[in-house]
Amino acid sequence: MAALVGVMIMVAFETFDWKSLKLLREVAPSQAVIMPITMIFAMQDT
């Protein structure tokens, strides 16, 4: 079971679009707050 969890974490890590974090500087402040909050909730759900 631990191996499956490890594989799932690596797949999520590799498929995340890390370039989207740079967009936080360019978008409206309200959207810049929502993006990390959504990411945190998605990570807690797993």
N, C-alpha and C. Protein backbone atom coordinates (compact mmCIF):
# COMPACT_ATOMS: atom_id res chain seq x y z
N MET A 1 0.82 -1.19 0.00
CA MET A 1 0.00 0.00 0.00
C MET A 1 0.87 1.26 0.00
N ALA A 2 1.95 1.25 0.75
CA ALA A 2 2.84 2.42 0.79
C ALA A 2 3.47 2.68 -0.57
N ALA A 3 3.75 1.62 -1.31
CA ALA A 3 4.34 1.79 -2.63
C ALA A 3 3.35 2.48 -3.57
N LEU A 4 2.09 2.14 -3.47
CA LEU A 4 1.06 2.76 -4.29
C LEU A 4 0.94 4.25 -3.97
N VAL A 5 0.98 4.57 -2.70
CA VAL A 5 0.93 5.98 -2.29
C VAL A 5 2.13 6.74 -2.85
N GLY A 6 3.29 6.14 -2.78
CA GLY A 6 4.49 6.76 -3.32
C GLY A 6 4.39 7.01 -4.82
N VAL A 7 3.85 6.05 -5.54
CA VAL A 7 3.68 6.21 -6.98
C VAL A 7 2.68 7.34 -7.27
N MET A 8 1.60 7.39 -6.52
CA MET A 8 0.60 8.43 -6.74
C MET A 8 1.18 9.82 -6.46
N ILE A 9 1.97 9.95 -5.43
CA ILE A 9 2.59 11.25 -5.11
C ILE A 9 3.55 11.66 -6.22
N MET A 10 4.34 10.73 -6.71
CA MET A 10 5.29 11.06 -7.78
C MET A 10 4.57 11.45 -9.07
N VAL A 11 3.50 10.78 -9.39
CA VAL A 11 2.73 11.13 -10.59
C VAL A 11 2.15 12.53 -10.44
N ALA A 12 1.60 12.85 -9.29
CA ALA A 12 1.05 14.18 -9.05
C ALA A 12 2.14 15.23 -9.13
N PHE A 13 3.30 14.94 -8.56
CA PHE A 13 4.42 15.88 -8.56
C PHE A 13 4.92 16.14 -9.98
N GLU A 14 5.01 15.10 -10.77
CA GLU A 14 5.54 15.23 -12.13
C GLU A 14 4.54 15.88 -13.09
N THR A 15 3.25 15.75 -12.84
CA THR A 15 2.27 16.30 -13.76
C THR A 15 1.84 17.72 -13.39
N PHE A 16 2.26 18.21 -12.24
CA PHE A 16 1.90 19.58 -11.83
C PHE A 16 2.61 20.59 -12.73
N ASP A 17 1.91 21.60 -13.14
CA ASP A 17 2.49 22.64 -14.00
C ASP A 17 3.16 23.69 -13.11
N TRP A 18 4.45 23.52 -12.88
CA TRP A 18 5.19 24.39 -11.97
C TRP A 18 5.31 25.81 -12.52
N LYS A 19 5.20 25.97 -13.83
CA LYS A 19 5.26 27.30 -14.42
C LYS A 19 4.06 28.16 -14.01
N SER A 20 2.97 27.51 -13.60
CA SER A 20 1.79 28.27 -13.20
C SER A 20 2.05 29.08 -11.93
N LEU A 21 3.04 28.68 -11.13
CA LEU A 21 3.35 29.44 -9.93
C LEU A 21 3.92 30.82 -10.27
N LYS A 22 4.58 30.94 -11.40
CA LYS A 22 5.10 32.24 -11.83
C LYS A 22 3.96 33.19 -12.22
N LEU A 23 2.82 32.63 -12.59
CA LEU A 23 1.68 33.46 -12.97
C LEU A 23 1.08 34.21 -11.78
N LEU A 24 1.41 33.80 -10.57
CA LEU A 24 0.85 34.46 -9.39
C LEU A 24 1.20 35.94 -9.35
N ARG A 25 2.33 36.31 -9.94
CA ARG A 25 2.74 37.71 -9.95
C ARG A 25 1.97 38.53 -10.98
N GLU A 26 1.43 37.85 -11.99
CA GLU A 26 0.80 38.55 -13.11
C GLU A 26 -0.72 38.62 -13.03
N VAL A 27 -1.34 37.82 -12.20
CA VAL A 27 -2.80 37.79 -12.15
C VAL A 27 -3.31 38.74 -11.07
N ALA A 28 -4.61 38.94 -11.07
CA ALA A 28 -5.24 39.79 -10.06
C ALA A 28 -5.02 39.20 -8.67
N PRO A 29 -4.91 40.04 -7.64
CA PRO A 29 -4.66 39.53 -6.27
C PRO A 29 -5.70 38.52 -5.79
N SER A 30 -6.96 38.70 -6.17
CA SER A 30 -7.98 37.75 -5.72
C SER A 30 -7.74 36.37 -6.31
N GLN A 31 -7.29 36.31 -7.56
CA GLN A 31 -6.98 35.02 -8.18
C GLN A 31 -5.68 34.45 -7.62
N ALA A 32 -4.75 35.32 -7.30
CA ALA A 32 -3.46 34.87 -6.76
C ALA A 32 -3.65 34.19 -5.41
N VAL A 33 -4.67 34.57 -4.67
CA VAL A 33 -4.94 33.94 -3.37
C VAL A 33 -5.65 32.61 -3.58
N ILE A 34 -6.54 32.54 -4.54
CA ILE A 34 -7.34 31.33 -4.75
C ILE A 34 -6.49 30.17 -5.28
N MET A 35 -5.50 30.45 -6.12
CA MET A 35 -4.68 29.36 -6.70
C MET A 35 -3.97 28.53 -5.62
N PRO A 36 -3.23 29.14 -4.68
CA PRO A 36 -2.56 28.32 -3.65
C PRO A 36 -3.54 27.64 -2.70
N ILE A 37 -4.66 28.32 -2.41
CA ILE A 37 -5.66 27.70 -1.52
C ILE A 37 -6.22 26.45 -2.17
N THR A 38 -6.52 26.51 -3.46
CA THR A 38 -7.02 25.34 -4.18
C THR A 38 -5.99 24.22 -4.18
N MET A 39 -4.73 24.57 -4.37
CA MET A 39 -3.66 23.57 -4.37
C MET A 39 -3.54 22.90 -2.99
N ILE A 40 -3.66 23.70 -1.94
CA ILE A 40 -3.56 23.14 -0.58
C ILE A 40 -4.72 22.19 -0.31
N PHE A 41 -5.93 22.60 -0.67
CA PHE A 41 -7.09 21.73 -0.45
C PHE A 41 -6.97 20.44 -1.26
N ALA A 42 -6.48 20.54 -2.47
CA ALA A 42 -6.32 19.34 -3.30
C ALA A 42 -5.29 18.40 -2.70
N MET A 43 -4.23 18.95 -2.13
CA MET A 43 -3.20 18.10 -1.52
C MET A 43 -3.69 17.48 -0.23
N GLN A 44 -4.54 18.17 0.52
CA GLN A 44 -5.06 17.61 1.76
C GLN A 44 -6.08 16.51 1.50
N ASP A 45 -6.74 16.59 0.37
CA ASP A 45 -7.77 15.61 0.03
C ASP A 45 -7.18 14.24 -0.27
N THR A 46 -5.91 14.19 -0.66
CA THR A 46 -5.31 12.91 -1.03
C THR A 46 -4.82 12.14 0.14
